[in-house]
Each structure stands twice: as C-alpha cells, then as structure tokens.
Amino acid sequence: MRLEGKVAIVTGGGAGFGEGICRRFAAEGARVVVNDVNEQDGRRVADAISDAGGEARFMYADVSRDDDTGRLVAEAIARYGRLDIMVNNAGVPQRAQPMEDVTEDEFDRIFSVNVKALYWSAKHTVPFMREAGRGCIIHTASTAAISPRPGLVWYNGSKGAVNTITQGMAVELAPHRIRVNAVCPVAGETQMLAEFLGGEVTPEVHAKFLSTVPLGRLSQPADVANAVLFLASDDAAFLTGVCLPVDGGRTI
C-alpha cells in the first residue's frame, strides 16, 4: 500500500473530489481525517471507509476560520500522533456571470475558502511538519488557474492564487523536506458543475462544454484522487511546486 501508516487530513472530504481522495487514501493504507462543514456528508464518508475496513474519522471545521483550522489540525495530531499529508481541497465555486454582478459577499466567500484557508492551513500544519522534518501538502486548484474563462473572473483569480501560493510554499519549505503541490482539475460531475455552467446543466450546455475537452468527458472524483495519491506518495518524492492539470487536455 502506497500510504501505509501515514495520516492525512482532507478538507472538503464529504463529497465530490474530496470524497474520492478520502476513499482512495484509505484504500492505500492511510488513516484519514475527513473534514467538512457538512456533518452529514462528512460522517457518511468516514463511516463508509470504516465499514470497508479502513481507518477514518470525521472532524468538523470551517477552514476559512483560524480557530476551526487550528482545532482540526491539533485534534488530528492528538488522535494519531502524526500528520504526514494535508490536502487543502475545500473550495467554493462562482456561478458563471459577468464579473460586476458578483456581490461583495460572494467575492469574500470565494477568497476566504479558496485562498485564505491555505493561509490558516499553513499556519497550523507547517510548524508541526517542519519540526518533524517531513510533510506533504497538496492543494486543489483548477484549470481556471491556467486557462481563465469569461464569467468566472473572481474564481479564476482565486485558483490562480492557489497555484502561485503552491509554488512559493514549495520553494520556502523544500529545505525542511516538506513538499507542496497542486492538482488542477477540469470541471467534474459534482454538485458544483451547475454553478460553473451558469446555474442549469442542459444537454446543450453540457455537450458544448464537453466539446472543449479533447478526451471527451468531464473529470471524475477517481481521476483527481489518483493524481493526488501519486503526489502524496513516495513515487513523487522528487516533485514539489507542481501544478498538475487533471483535465483531459482542456488547457492545451
């Protein structure tokens, strides 16, 4: 097993890409802390992993908040005695619309969850990993960070920040043997898809979007989970600062 004995926190682990990452990590031997603001979804994922013979525990935290993030990390370390992998996957979408129509509250929420959460995560995980002399941090960015599209300006900007933060952290933390990478998925068959496509996924809108992906389909949680697993594993021991498209060729 590629993550045998390791401990991972996955934020936004109750659905979509996060759920896929949690399940894949557990199948590879990791002890997984499933974090989400939706307690029902988070517990469902943790219980499903446990029922399948894995090790998982749900922990509530709003990762846009300092105190919540600090408690999440502290409780995970207190329970398992270590923290090897931090996956900052929690994120919120922007509904496709003209940039000036996005309200200030919507803008603040996008940047609070998609960007500031990385600051809180680093504040609480990096000191522990630095002391341990090892660690792996993975961020979920987006193809929006590489190839911005109209109607998603503020979301594009938030994910562009994720990629730049990833690379800056990678350089700063490399001397401490802490690797920092990101995945950049194309939109997937998740609950966020309708927002990205303007609120309604009609057959015509769906087909138009698919036509922009050379491999002819949207991403699935398993696609993202497999990429994150690789970056978290020792197979990627010499990779840091990578922002890996998981996009079927969309950003080419």
C-alpha atoms as a PDB file:
ATOM      1  CA  MET A   1       0.000   0.000   0.000  1.00  0.00           C
ATOM      2  CA  ARG A   2       1.353   3.374  -1.035  1.00  0.00           C
ATOM      3  CA  LEU A   3       0.284   5.322   2.070  1.00  0.00           C
ATOM      4  CA  GLU A   4       0.626   2.605   4.699  1.00  0.00           C
ATOM      5  CA  GLY A   5       0.909   4.100   8.192  1.00  0.00           C
ATOM      6  CA  LYS A   6       0.507   7.703   7.076  1.00  0.00           C
ATOM      7  CA  VAL A   7      -2.021  10.196   8.455  1.00  0.00           C
ATOM      8  CA  ALA A   8      -3.862  12.585   6.151  1.00  0.00           C
ATOM      9  CA  ILE A   9      -6.348  15.405   6.593  1.00  0.00           C
ATOM     10  CA  VAL A  10      -8.604  16.028   3.601  1.00  0.00           C
ATOM     11  CA  THR A  11     -10.665  19.213   3.760  1.00  0.00           C
ATOM     12  CA  GLY A  12     -13.949  19.254   1.900  1.00  0.00           C
ATOM     13  CA  GLY A  13     -13.899  15.478   2.183  1.00  0.00           C
ATOM     14  CA  GLY A  14     -17.641  14.940   2.354  1.00  0.00           C
ATOM     15  CA  ALA A  15     -18.423  14.950  -1.370  1.00  0.00           C
ATOM     16  CA  GLY A  16     -17.029  15.233  -4.886  1.00  0.00           C
ATOM     17  CA  PHE A  17     -13.271  15.281  -5.342  1.00  0.00           C
ATOM     18  CA  GLY A  18     -12.700  15.291  -1.579  1.00  0.00           C
ATOM     19  CA  GLU A  19     -14.717  12.138  -1.063  1.00  0.00           C
ATOM     20  CA  GLY A  20     -12.797  10.438  -3.853  1.00  0.00           C
ATOM     21  CA  ILE A  21      -9.480  11.432  -2.276  1.00  0.00           C
ATOM     22  CA  CYS A  22     -10.544  10.194   1.175  1.00  0.00           C
ATOM     23  CA  ARG A  23     -11.642   6.814  -0.155  1.00  0.00           C
ATOM     24  CA  ARG A  24      -8.522   6.381  -2.288  1.00  0.00           C
ATOM     25  CA  PHE A  25      -6.176   7.313   0.529  1.00  0.00           C
ATOM     26  CA  ALA A  26      -7.871   4.896   2.910  1.00  0.00           C
ATOM     27  CA  ALA A  27      -7.685   2.095   0.347  1.00  0.00           C
ATOM     28  CA  GLU A  28      -3.932   2.723   0.178  1.00  0.00           C
ATOM     29  CA  GLY A  29      -3.490   2.370   3.941  1.00  0.00           C
ATOM     30  CA  ALA A  30      -3.739   5.946   5.190  1.00  0.00           C
ATOM     31  CA  ARG A  31      -5.560   6.951   8.331  1.00  0.00           C
ATOM     32  CA  VAL A  32      -7.842   9.682   7.057  1.00  0.00           C
ATOM     33  CA  VAL A  33      -9.375  12.674   8.814  1.00  0.00           C
ATOM     34  CA  VAL A  34     -12.449  13.567   6.777  1.00  0.00           C
ATOM     35  CA  ASN A  35     -13.146  17.275   7.212  1.00  0.00           C
ATOM     36  CA  ASP A  36     -16.229  19.083   6.000  1.00  0.00           C
ATOM     37  CA  VAL A  37     -18.688  21.782   7.067  1.00  0.00           C
ATOM     38  CA  ASN A  38     -21.499  19.378   6.162  1.00  0.00           C
ATOM     39  CA  GLU A  39     -21.521  16.970   9.085  1.00  0.00           C
ATOM     40  CA  GLN A  40     -23.938  14.525   7.450  1.00  0.00           C
ATOM     41  CA  ASP A  41     -21.803  14.144   4.336  1.00  0.00           C
ATOM     42  CA  GLY A  42     -18.540  14.004   6.256  1.00  0.00           C
ATOM     43  CA  ARG A  43     -19.764  11.314   8.629  1.00  0.00           C
ATOM     44  CA  ARG A  44     -21.184   9.336   5.706  1.00  0.00           C
ATOM     45  CA  VAL A  45     -17.775   9.220   4.027  1.00  0.00           C
ATOM     46  CA  ALA A  46     -15.912   8.368   7.244  1.00  0.00           C
ATOM     47  CA  ASP A  47     -18.435   5.643   8.103  1.00  0.00           C
ATOM     48  CA  ALA A  48     -18.223   4.156   4.596  1.00  0.00           C
ATOM     49  CA  ILE A  49     -14.432   3.955   4.868  1.00  0.00           C
ATOM     50  CA  SER A  50     -14.659   2.325   8.288  1.00  0.00           C
ATOM     51  CA  ASP A  51     -17.276  -0.150   7.061  1.00  0.00           C
ATOM     52  CA  ALA A  52     -14.894  -1.123   4.247  1.00  0.00           C
ATOM     53  CA  GLY A  53     -12.141  -1.885   6.749  1.00  0.00           C
ATOM     54  CA  GLY A  54     -10.258   1.414   6.550  1.00  0.00           C
ATOM     55  CA  GLU A  55      -9.420   3.939   9.235  1.00  0.00           C
ATOM     56  CA  ALA A  56     -11.250   7.268   9.066  1.00  0.00           C
ATOM     57  CA  ARG A  57     -12.665   9.859  11.416  1.00  0.00           C
ATOM     58  CA  PHE A  58     -14.900  12.821  10.661  1.00  0.00           C
ATOM     59  CA  MET A  59     -13.887  16.191  12.103  1.00  0.00           C
ATOM     60  CA  TYR A  60     -15.958  19.323  11.593  1.00  0.00           C
ATOM     61  CA  ALA A  61     -14.169  22.576  10.825  1.00  0.00           C
ATOM     62  CA  ASP A  62     -14.786  25.669   8.732  1.00  0.00           C
ATOM     63  CA  VAL A  63     -11.348  26.009   7.180  1.00  0.00           C
ATOM     64  CA  SER A  64     -11.919  29.671   6.389  1.00  0.00           C
ATOM     65  CA  ARG A  65     -11.589  30.269  10.149  1.00  0.00           C
ATOM     66  CA  ASP A  66      -8.368  30.324  12.143  1.00  0.00           C
ATOM     67  CA  ASP A  67      -9.724  28.718  15.307  1.00  0.00           C
ATOM     68  CA  ASP A  68     -11.532  25.937  13.464  1.00  0.00           C
ATOM     69  CA  THR A  69      -8.473  25.070  11.382  1.00  0.00           C
ATOM     70  CA  GLY A  70      -6.213  25.093  14.426  1.00  0.00           C
ATOM     71  CA  ARG A  71      -8.545  22.760  16.276  1.00  0.00           C
ATOM     72  CA  LEU A  72      -8.798  20.418  13.277  1.00  0.00           C
ATOM     73  CA  VAL A  73      -5.030  20.033  12.990  1.00  0.00           C
ATOM     74  CA  ALA A  74      -4.489  19.772  16.745  1.00  0.00           C
ATOM     75  CA  GLU A  75      -7.173  17.087  17.156  1.00  0.00           C
ATOM     76  CA  ALA A  76      -5.822  15.056  14.244  1.00  0.00           C
ATOM     77  CA  ILE A  77      -2.307  15.096  15.691  1.00  0.00           C
ATOM     78  CA  ALA A  78      -3.568  14.351  19.192  1.00  0.00           C
ATOM     79  CA  ARG A  79      -5.503  11.331  17.932  1.00  0.00           C
ATOM     80  CA  TYR A  80      -2.886   9.838  15.620  1.00  0.00           C
ATOM     81  CA  GLY A  81       0.373  11.305  16.888  1.00  0.00           C
ATOM     82  CA  ARG A  82       1.486  12.467  13.456  1.00  0.00           C
ATOM     83  CA  LEU A  83       0.410  14.307  10.325  1.00  0.00           C
ATOM     84  CA  ASP A  84       2.014  13.350   7.033  1.00  0.00           C
ATOM     85  CA  ILE A  85      -0.333  14.744   4.400  1.00  0.00           C
ATOM     86  CA  MET A  86      -2.529  17.845   4.322  1.00  0.00           C
ATOM     87  CA  VAL A  87      -4.914  18.058   1.381  1.00  0.00           C
ATOM     88  CA  ASN A  88      -6.482  21.512   1.120  1.00  0.00           C
ATOM     89  CA  ASN A  89      -9.367  20.521  -1.111  1.00  0.00           C
ATOM     90  CA  ALA A  90     -12.281  22.563   0.287  1.00  0.00           C
ATOM     91  CA  GLY A  91     -13.485  25.172  -2.156  1.00  0.00           C
ATOM     92  CA  VAL A  92     -16.484  27.121  -3.323  1.00  0.00           C
ATOM     93  CA  PRO A  93     -17.499  27.880  -6.918  1.00  0.00           C
ATOM     94  CA  GLN A  94     -18.601  31.060  -8.607  1.00  0.00           C
ATOM     95  CA  ARG A  95     -21.739  30.993 -10.684  1.00  0.00           C
ATOM     96  CA  ALA A  96     -20.877  31.951 -14.255  1.00  0.00           C
ATOM     97  CA  GLN A  97     -21.902  35.586 -14.669  1.00  0.00           C
ATOM     98  CA  PRO A  98     -20.451  38.992 -15.549  1.00  0.00           C
ATOM     99  CA  MET A  99     -17.726  39.984 -13.094  1.00  0.00           C
ATOM    100  CA  GLU A 100     -19.525  43.132 -11.935  1.00  0.00           C
ATOM    101  CA  ASP A 101     -22.625  41.140 -10.964  1.00  0.00           C
ATOM    102  CA  VAL A 102     -20.778  39.162  -8.278  1.00  0.00           C
ATOM    103  CA  THR A 103     -21.617  40.640  -4.885  1.00  0.00           C
ATOM    104  CA  GLU A 104     -19.005  41.608  -2.316  1.00  0.00           C
ATOM    105  CA  ASP A 105     -20.221  38.833  -0.008  1.00  0.00           C
ATOM    106  CA  GLU A 106     -19.822  36.276  -2.806  1.00  0.00           C
ATOM    107  CA  PHE A 107     -16.352  37.597  -3.625  1.00  0.00           C
ATOM    108  CA  ASP A 108     -15.285  37.445   0.021  1.00  0.00           C
ATOM    109  CA  ARG A 109     -16.573  33.882   0.379  1.00  0.00           C
ATOM    110  CA  ILE A 110     -14.695  32.706  -2.720  1.00  0.00           C
ATOM    111  CA  PHE A 111     -11.393  34.117  -1.495  1.00  0.00           C
ATOM    112  CA  SER A 112     -11.969  33.133   2.128  1.00  0.00           C
ATOM    113  CA  VAL A 113     -12.441  29.451   1.322  1.00  0.00           C
ATOM    114  CA  ASN A 114     -10.320  29.082  -1.805  1.00  0.00           C
ATOM    115  CA  VAL A 115      -7.342  31.211  -0.735  1.00  0.00           C
ATOM    116  CA  LYS A 116      -7.315  32.314   2.899  1.00  0.00           C
ATOM    117  CA  ALA A 117      -7.944  28.743   4.048  1.00  0.00           C
ATOM    118  CA  LEU A 118      -4.484  27.902   2.692  1.00  0.00           C
ATOM    119  CA  TYR A 119      -3.019  30.566   4.968  1.00  0.00           C
ATOM    120  CA  TRP A 120      -4.735  29.110   8.036  1.00  0.00           C
ATOM    121  CA  SER A 121      -3.735  25.597   6.999  1.00  0.00           C
ATOM    122  CA  ALA A 122      -0.089  26.592   6.613  1.00  0.00           C
ATOM    123  CA  LYS A 123      -0.114  28.441   9.914  1.00  0.00           C
ATOM    124  CA  HIS A 124      -1.169  25.302  11.769  1.00  0.00           C
ATOM    125  CA  THR A 125       0.419  22.470   9.767  1.00  0.00           C
ATOM    126  CA  VAL A 126       3.800  23.844   8.723  1.00  0.00           C
ATOM    127  CA  PRO A 127       5.259  24.223  12.246  1.00  0.00           C
ATOM    128  CA  PHE A 128       4.460  20.580  13.014  1.00  0.00           C
ATOM    129  CA  MET A 129       5.797  19.316   9.686  1.00  0.00           C
ATOM    130  CA  ARG A 130       8.918  21.470   9.989  1.00  0.00           C
ATOM    131  CA  GLU A 131       9.648  20.011  13.410  1.00  0.00           C
ATOM    132  CA  ALA A 132       9.024  16.501  12.082  1.00  0.00           C
ATOM    133  CA  GLY A 133      11.381  17.149   9.173  1.00  0.00           C
ATOM    134  CA  ARG A 134       8.896  15.905   6.587  1.00  0.00           C
ATOM    135  CA  GLY A 135       5.463  16.506   5.163  1.00  0.00           C
ATOM    136  CA  CYS A 136       3.316  16.709   2.065  1.00  0.00           C
ATOM    137  CA  ILE A 137       0.817  19.472   1.318  1.00  0.00           C
ATOM    138  CA  ILE A 138      -1.493  19.289  -1.689  1.00  0.00           C
ATOM    139  CA  HIS A 139      -3.893  21.976  -2.867  1.00  0.00           C
ATOM    140  CA  THR A 140      -6.873  21.578  -5.165  1.00  0.00           C
ATOM    141  CA  ALA A 141      -6.647  24.360  -7.725  1.00  0.00           C
ATOM    142  CA  SER A 142      -8.407  24.302 -11.114  1.00  0.00           C
ATOM    143  CA  THR A 143      -7.941  24.580 -14.842  1.00  0.00           C
ATOM    144  CA  ALA A 144      -9.325  28.083 -14.212  1.00  0.00           C
ATOM    145  CA  ALA A 145      -5.895  28.936 -12.805  1.00  0.00           C
ATOM    146  CA  ILE A 146      -4.202  28.009 -16.090  1.00  0.00           C
ATOM    147  CA  SER A 147      -6.745  28.970 -18.729  1.00  0.00           C
ATOM    148  CA  PRO A 148      -9.201  31.548 -17.309  1.00  0.00           C
ATOM    149  CA  ARG A 149     -12.672  31.675 -18.866  1.00  0.00           C
ATOM    150  CA  PRO A 150     -15.151  34.552 -19.146  1.00  0.00           C
ATOM    151  CA  GLY A 151     -17.835  34.704 -16.473  1.00  0.00           C
ATOM    152  CA  LEU A 152     -15.614  33.255 -13.749  1.00  0.00           C
ATOM    153  CA  VAL A 153     -13.181  36.112 -13.203  1.00  0.00           C
ATOM    154  CA  TRP A 154     -13.040  36.052  -9.410  1.00  0.00           C
ATOM    155  CA  TYR A 155     -12.969  32.267  -9.234  1.00  0.00           C
ATOM    156  CA  ASN A 156     -10.191  32.258 -11.849  1.00  0.00           C
ATOM    157  CA  GLY A 157      -8.267  34.695  -9.669  1.00  0.00           C
ATOM    158  CA  SER A 158      -8.713  32.651  -6.520  1.00  0.00           C
ATOM    159  CA  LYS A 159      -7.387  29.500  -8.170  1.00  0.00           C
ATOM    160  CA  GLY A 160      -4.546  31.401  -9.817  1.00  0.00           C
ATOM    161  CA  ALA A 161      -3.564  32.455  -6.308  1.00  0.00           C
ATOM    162  CA  VAL A 162      -3.618  28.794  -5.242  1.00  0.00           C
ATOM    163  CA  ASN A 163      -1.075  27.886  -7.922  1.00  0.00           C
ATOM    164  CA  THR A 164       1.230  30.791  -7.063  1.00  0.00           C
ATOM    165  CA  ILE A 165       0.971  30.015  -3.341  1.00  0.00           C
ATOM    166  CA  THR A 166       1.768  26.376  -4.088  1.00  0.00           C
ATOM    167  CA  GLN A 167       4.973  27.263  -5.868  1.00  0.00           C
ATOM    168  CA  GLY A 168       6.024  29.847  -3.281  1.00  0.00           C
ATOM    169  CA  MET A 169       5.452  27.404  -0.435  1.00  0.00           C
ATOM    170  CA  ALA A 170       7.312  24.676  -2.303  1.00  0.00           C
ATOM    171  CA  VAL A 171      10.473  26.773  -2.573  1.00  0.00           C
ATOM    172  CA  GLU A 172      10.323  28.045   1.002  1.00  0.00           C
ATOM    173  CA  LEU A 173       9.623  24.668   2.583  1.00  0.00           C
ATOM    174  CA  ALA A 174      11.919  22.485   0.482  1.00  0.00           C
ATOM    175  CA  PRO A 175      14.833  22.772   2.958  1.00  0.00           C
ATOM    176  CA  HIS A 176      12.530  21.246   5.586  1.00  0.00           C
ATOM    177  CA  ARG A 177      11.654  18.270   3.353  1.00  0.00           C
ATOM    178  CA  ILE A 178       8.073  19.461   3.024  1.00  0.00           C
ATOM    179  CA  ARG A 179       6.724  19.022  -0.497  1.00  0.00           C
ATOM    180  CA  VAL A 180       3.915  21.264  -1.769  1.00  0.00           C
ATOM    181  CA  ASN A 181       1.997  20.508  -4.965  1.00  0.00           C
ATOM    182  CA  ALA A 182      -1.405  21.171  -6.529  1.00  0.00           C
ATOM    183  CA  VAL A 183      -3.850  19.491  -8.871  1.00  0.00           C
ATOM    184  CA  CYS A 184      -5.798  21.497 -11.432  1.00  0.00           C
ATOM    185  CA  PRO A 185      -8.945  19.580 -12.380  1.00  0.00           C
ATOM    186  CA  VAL A 186     -11.307  20.451 -15.167  1.00  0.00           C
ATOM    187  CA  ALA A 187     -14.922  20.710 -14.025  1.00  0.00           C
ATOM    188  CA  GLY A 188     -16.285  17.390 -12.884  1.00  0.00           C
ATOM    189  CA  GLU A 189     -19.576  15.612 -12.475  1.00  0.00           C
ATOM    190  CA  THR A 190     -20.040  17.085  -8.998  1.00  0.00           C
ATOM    191  CA  GLN A 191     -22.572  19.348  -7.317  1.00  0.00           C
ATOM    192  CA  MET A 192     -20.501  22.397  -8.384  1.00  0.00           C
ATOM    193  CA  LEU A 193     -20.964  21.801 -12.111  1.00  0.00           C
ATOM    194  CA  ALA A 194     -24.248  23.700 -12.371  1.00  0.00           C
ATOM    195  CA  GLU A 195     -22.678  26.806 -10.833  1.00  0.00           C
ATOM    196  CA  PHE A 196     -19.776  26.790 -13.273  1.00  0.00           C
ATOM    197  CA  LEU A 197     -22.167  26.417 -16.197  1.00  0.00           C
ATOM    198  CA  GLY A 198     -24.461  29.253 -15.149  1.00  0.00           C
ATOM    199  CA  GLY A 199     -26.982  27.501 -12.934  1.00  0.00           C
ATOM    200  CA  GLU A 200     -28.512  24.863 -15.198  1.00  0.00           C
ATOM    201  CA  VAL A 201     -26.862  21.931 -16.937  1.00  0.00           C
ATOM    202  CA  THR A 202     -28.947  21.475 -20.062  1.00  0.00           C
ATOM    203  CA  PRO A 203     -27.965  18.788 -22.577  1.00  0.00           C
ATOM    204  CA  GLU A 204     -26.884  21.538 -24.971  1.00  0.00           C
ATOM    205  CA  VAL A 205     -24.696  23.323 -22.386  1.00  0.00           C
ATOM    206  CA  HIS A 206     -23.221  20.009 -21.257  1.00  0.00           C
ATOM    207  CA  ALA A 207     -22.370  18.988 -24.809  1.00  0.00           C
ATOM    208  CA  LYS A 208     -20.811  22.375 -25.576  1.00  0.00           C
ATOM    209  CA  PHE A 209     -18.545  22.120 -22.550  1.00  0.00           C
ATOM    210  CA  LEU A 210     -17.560  18.535 -23.372  1.00  0.00           C
ATOM    211  CA  SER A 211     -16.503  19.673 -26.836  1.00  0.00           C
ATOM    212  CA  THR A 212     -13.712  21.713 -25.208  1.00  0.00           C
ATOM    213  CA  VAL A 213     -12.143  18.654 -23.550  1.00  0.00           C
ATOM    214  CA  PRO A 214     -10.036  16.666 -26.028  1.00  0.00           C
ATOM    215  CA  LEU A 215     -10.554  13.373 -24.196  1.00  0.00           C
ATOM    216  CA  GLY A 216     -14.294  13.936 -24.457  1.00  0.00           C
ATOM    217  CA  ARG A 217     -15.526  13.803 -20.860  1.00  0.00           C
ATOM    218  CA  LEU A 218     -15.507  15.711 -17.601  1.00  0.00           C
ATOM    219  CA  SER A 219     -13.328  14.740 -14.675  1.00  0.00           C
ATOM    220  CA  GLN A 220     -14.451  12.161 -12.149  1.00  0.00           C
ATOM    221  CA  PRO A 221     -13.517  12.065  -8.444  1.00  0.00           C
ATOM    222  CA  ALA A 222     -11.384   8.999  -9.173  1.00  0.00           C
ATOM    223  CA  ASP A 223      -9.305  10.963 -11.713  1.00  0.00           C
ATOM    224  CA  VAL A 224      -8.459  13.623  -9.167  1.00  0.00           C
ATOM    225  CA  ALA A 225      -7.985  11.106  -6.353  1.00  0.00           C
ATOM    226  CA  ASN A 226      -5.465   9.115  -8.385  1.00  0.00           C
ATOM    227  CA  ALA A 227      -3.470  12.254  -9.178  1.00  0.00           C
ATOM    228  CA  VAL A 228      -3.484  13.367  -5.534  1.00  0.00           C
ATOM    229  CA  LEU A 229      -2.481   9.869  -4.418  1.00  0.00           C
ATOM    230  CA  PHE A 230       0.535   9.978  -6.732  1.00  0.00           C
ATOM    231  CA  LEU A 231       1.624  13.380  -5.429  1.00  0.00           C
ATOM    232  CA  ALA A 232       1.185  12.232  -1.830  1.00  0.00           C
ATOM    233  CA  SER A 233       3.105   9.003  -2.310  1.00  0.00           C
ATOM    234  CA  ASP A 234       6.816   8.308  -2.230  1.00  0.00           C
ATOM    235  CA  ASP A 235       6.620   7.841  -6.013  1.00  0.00           C
ATOM    236  CA  ALA A 236       6.560  11.651  -6.180  1.00  0.00           C
ATOM    237  CA  ALA A 237       9.365  12.155  -3.655  1.00  0.00           C
ATOM    238  CA  PHE A 238      11.271  14.467  -6.019  1.00  0.00           C
ATOM    239  CA  LEU A 239       8.259  16.544  -7.080  1.00  0.00           C
ATOM    240  CA  THR A 240       7.458  19.867  -5.450  1.00  0.00           C
ATOM    241  CA  GLY A 241       5.896  23.035  -6.826  1.00  0.00           C
ATOM    242  CA  VAL A 242       3.992  21.034  -9.456  1.00  0.00           C
ATOM    243  CA  CYS A 243       0.554  22.299 -10.508  1.00  0.00           C
ATOM    244  CA  LEU A 244      -0.726  19.225 -12.317  1.00  0.00           C
ATOM    245  CA  PRO A 245      -3.605  19.574 -14.803  1.00  0.00           C
ATOM    246  CA  VAL A 246      -6.157  16.768 -14.498  1.00  0.00           C
ATOM    247  CA  ASP A 247      -8.173  17.971 -17.408  1.00  0.00           C
ATOM    248  CA  GLY A 248      -8.347  15.584 -20.366  1.00  0.00           C
ATOM    249  CA  GLY A 249      -6.313  18.085 -22.380  1.00  0.00           C
ATOM    250  CA  ARG A 250      -8.547  21.129 -21.880  1.00  0.00           C
ATOM    251  CA  THR A 251      -5.698  23.513 -21.054  1.00  0.00           C
ATOM    252  CA  ILE A 252      -3.541  22.572 -24.050  1.00  0.00           C
END
